[in-house]
Structure formats: structure tokens, C-alpha cells
Amino acid sequence: MLQWYPNYWLLTGFIICFGSMIGSRGPLITATALKIFRGERVGTIYGTIMIGSGLGSWGGGLIHDWTHSYNPLIAFALVNVVLGLIPFLVVPALRR
């Protein structure tokens, strides 16, 4: 939104929300993976989660390089957020 409505309030809100969420992401993902997937394959599952995160970042950079804009990248991110939300809606064990 900053590209269409540049102001300090939007920028400040983004910095506060993004900064507070990105700082808790790493420990939260690790704790959730260990809680849900116990046993000898937890390393494989956690590694797959981390590879998926890296591929998402790499794909986002590729989209930006192709389009020279962040708008398609934001749409890509929103689609991935919805896809990531689906398992939590479908699998009852993930809601606990």
C-alpha cells in the first residue's frame, strides 16, 4: 500500500507487525514441528519445512526478477498463505 499511499503510519505499522512476527517465527516453527511430529523422523520433517521456506523465498525472488514488480510477489505470497492454512482447517490434530 505504501506505493499508492505513502505515509509514516503505514510504514510504522508494517515495521511493528512484521518485526514482531518474524522474530517469533523460527522458535515457533521448531516447537510446533517437534510437538506434532515426534520420533525418529522429526529431523526429516523439520528439514523439509526449512527447504520449503527456502524454496518460497527463492521463488519469490525469481518472480520479482521476471516481473520487475513486487505486486505479483505479494499475490504469490497470499496464495501460499492460503495453501498453508488449509491443513490446519482440514486436519483436526493440527488445531489442538
C-alpha atoms as a PDB file:
ATOM      1  CA  MET A   1       0.000   0.000   0.000  1.00  0.00           C
ATOM      2  CA  LEU A   2       2.948   2.312   0.532  1.00  0.00           C
ATOM      3  CA  GLN A   3       3.465   2.640  -3.211  1.00  0.00           C
ATOM      4  CA  TRP A   4      -0.010   4.171  -3.592  1.00  0.00           C
ATOM      5  CA  TYR A   5      -0.455   5.856  -0.179  1.00  0.00           C
ATOM      6  CA  PRO A   6       2.996   6.757   1.140  1.00  0.00           C
ATOM      7  CA  ASN A   7       2.863   7.816   4.783  1.00  0.00           C
ATOM      8  CA  TYR A   8       4.707   7.147   8.008  1.00  0.00           C
ATOM      9  CA  TRP A   9       1.749   5.479   9.772  1.00  0.00           C
ATOM     10  CA  LEU A  10       1.582   2.644   7.242  1.00  0.00           C
ATOM     11  CA  LEU A  11       5.346   2.219   7.382  1.00  0.00           C
ATOM     12  CA  THR A  12       5.371   2.214  11.188  1.00  0.00           C
ATOM     13  CA  GLY A  13       2.508  -0.309  11.323  1.00  0.00           C
ATOM     14  CA  PHE A  14       4.323  -2.589   8.894  1.00  0.00           C
ATOM     15  CA  ILE A  15       7.585  -2.412  10.823  1.00  0.00           C
ATOM     16  CA  ILE A  16       5.888  -3.212  14.137  1.00  0.00           C
ATOM     17  CA  CYS A  17       3.765  -6.082  12.787  1.00  0.00           C
ATOM     18  CA  PHE A  18       6.440  -7.607  10.566  1.00  0.00           C
ATOM     19  CA  GLY A  19       9.216  -7.206  13.111  1.00  0.00           C
ATOM     20  CA  SER A  20       7.263  -8.760  15.952  1.00  0.00           C
ATOM     21  CA  MET A  21       6.122 -11.690  13.832  1.00  0.00           C
ATOM     22  CA  ILE A  22       9.374 -12.529  12.049  1.00  0.00           C
ATOM     23  CA  GLY A  23      11.248 -12.653  15.357  1.00  0.00           C
ATOM     24  CA  SER A  24       8.963 -15.354  16.739  1.00  0.00           C
ATOM     25  CA  ARG A  25       8.767 -17.384  13.539  1.00  0.00           C
ATOM     26  CA  GLY A  26      11.872 -19.537  13.979  1.00  0.00           C
ATOM     27  CA  PRO A  27      11.243 -20.783  17.519  1.00  0.00           C
ATOM     28  CA  LEU A  28       7.538 -21.230  16.820  1.00  0.00           C
ATOM     29  CA  ILE A  29       8.078 -23.400  13.747  1.00  0.00           C
ATOM     30  CA  THR A  30      10.645 -25.519  15.571  1.00  0.00           C
ATOM     31  CA  ALA A  31       8.458 -26.008  18.655  1.00  0.00           C
ATOM     32  CA  THR A  32       5.364 -26.814  16.583  1.00  0.00           C
ATOM     33  CA  ALA A  33       7.201 -29.336  14.404  1.00  0.00           C
ATOM     34  CA  LEU A  34       8.640 -31.065  17.476  1.00  0.00           C
ATOM     35  CA  LYS A  35       5.264 -31.116  19.205  1.00  0.00           C
ATOM     36  CA  ILE A  36       3.326 -32.576  16.275  1.00  0.00           C
ATOM     37  CA  PHE A  37       5.922 -34.882  14.713  1.00  0.00           C
ATOM     38  CA  ARG A  38       7.725 -36.812  17.435  1.00  0.00           C
ATOM     39  CA  GLY A  39      10.011 -39.710  16.794  1.00  0.00           C
ATOM     40  CA  GLU A  40      12.955 -40.621  14.667  1.00  0.00           C
ATOM     41  CA  ARG A  41      11.734 -38.774  11.535  1.00  0.00           C
ATOM     42  CA  VAL A  42      11.373 -35.346  13.146  1.00  0.00           C
ATOM     43  CA  GLY A  43      14.652 -34.169  11.577  1.00  0.00           C
ATOM     44  CA  THR A  44      13.447 -35.111   8.109  1.00  0.00           C
ATOM     45  CA  ILE A  45      10.145 -33.327   8.626  1.00  0.00           C
ATOM     46  CA  TYR A  46      11.802 -30.216  10.063  1.00  0.00           C
ATOM     47  CA  GLY A  47      14.338 -30.201   7.225  1.00  0.00           C
ATOM     48  CA  THR A  48      11.512 -30.401   4.696  1.00  0.00           C
ATOM     49  CA  ILE A  49       9.830 -27.422   6.345  1.00  0.00           C
ATOM     50  CA  MET A  50      13.059 -25.413   6.134  1.00  0.00           C
ATOM     51  CA  ILE A  51      13.663 -26.391   2.498  1.00  0.00           C
ATOM     52  CA  GLY A  52      10.094 -25.329   1.687  1.00  0.00           C
ATOM     53  CA  SER A  53      10.742 -21.957   3.303  1.00  0.00           C
ATOM     54  CA  GLY A  54      13.892 -21.512   1.264  1.00  0.00           C
ATOM     55  CA  LEU A  55      12.180 -22.502  -1.974  1.00  0.00           C
ATOM     56  CA  GLY A  56       9.420 -19.975  -1.266  1.00  0.00           C
ATOM     57  CA  SER A  57      11.987 -17.213  -0.842  1.00  0.00           C
ATOM     58  CA  TRP A  58      13.847 -18.313  -3.939  1.00  0.00           C
ATOM     59  CA  GLY A  59      10.595 -18.475  -5.940  1.00  0.00           C
ATOM     60  CA  GLY A  60       9.633 -15.019  -4.736  1.00  0.00           C
ATOM     61  CA  GLY A  61      12.961 -13.624  -5.906  1.00  0.00           C
ATOM     62  CA  LEU A  62      12.514 -15.321  -9.254  1.00  0.00           C
ATOM     63  CA  ILE A  63       9.033 -13.823  -9.667  1.00  0.00           C
ATOM     64  CA  HIS A  64      10.415 -10.373  -8.873  1.00  0.00           C
ATOM     65  CA  ASP A  65      13.227 -10.832 -11.400  1.00  0.00           C
ATOM     66  CA  TRP A  66      10.747 -11.861 -14.106  1.00  0.00           C
ATOM     67  CA  THR A  67       8.167  -9.148 -13.476  1.00  0.00           C
ATOM     68  CA  HIS A  68      10.302  -6.313 -12.005  1.00  0.00           C
ATOM     69  CA  SER A  69       7.489  -5.672  -9.543  1.00  0.00           C
ATOM     70  CA  TYR A  70       6.552  -6.710  -6.042  1.00  0.00           C
ATOM     71  CA  ASN A  71       2.811  -6.894  -6.793  1.00  0.00           C
ATOM     72  CA  PRO A  72       2.859 -10.403  -8.348  1.00  0.00           C
ATOM     73  CA  LEU A  73       5.143 -11.456  -5.496  1.00  0.00           C
ATOM     74  CA  ILE A  74       2.558 -10.323  -2.941  1.00  0.00           C
ATOM     75  CA  ALA A  75      -0.124 -12.288  -4.798  1.00  0.00           C
ATOM     76  CA  PHE A  76       2.191 -15.340  -4.781  1.00  0.00           C
ATOM     77  CA  ALA A  77       2.678 -14.938  -1.024  1.00  0.00           C
ATOM     78  CA  LEU A  78      -1.067 -14.657  -0.386  1.00  0.00           C
ATOM     79  CA  VAL A  79      -1.765 -17.819  -2.378  1.00  0.00           C
ATOM     80  CA  ASN A  80       0.887 -19.651  -0.346  1.00  0.00           C
ATOM     81  CA  VAL A  81      -0.557 -18.391   2.936  1.00  0.00           C
ATOM     82  CA  VAL A  82      -3.961 -19.791   1.957  1.00  0.00           C
ATOM     83  CA  LEU A  83      -2.393 -23.096   0.889  1.00  0.00           C
ATOM     84  CA  GLY A  84      -0.507 -23.260   4.194  1.00  0.00           C
ATOM     85  CA  LEU A  85      -3.714 -22.602   6.119  1.00  0.00           C
ATOM     86  CA  ILE A  86      -5.633 -25.488   4.530  1.00  0.00           C
ATOM     87  CA  PRO A  87      -4.006 -28.300   6.566  1.00  0.00           C
ATOM     88  CA  PHE A  88      -4.951 -26.503   9.797  1.00  0.00           C
ATOM     89  CA  LEU A  89      -8.559 -26.365   8.646  1.00  0.00           C
ATOM     90  CA  VAL A  90      -8.696 -29.976   7.439  1.00  0.00           C
ATOM     91  CA  VAL A  91      -6.577 -31.937   9.941  1.00  0.00           C
ATOM     92  CA  PRO A  92      -8.118 -31.900  13.446  1.00  0.00           C
ATOM     93  CA  ALA A  93      -4.814 -32.802  15.163  1.00  0.00           C
ATOM     94  CA  LEU A  94      -3.257 -29.556  13.961  1.00  0.00           C
ATOM     95  CA  ARG A  95      -5.950 -27.459  15.651  1.00  0.00           C
ATOM     96  CA  ARG A  96      -5.069 -28.663  19.158  1.00  0.00           C
END
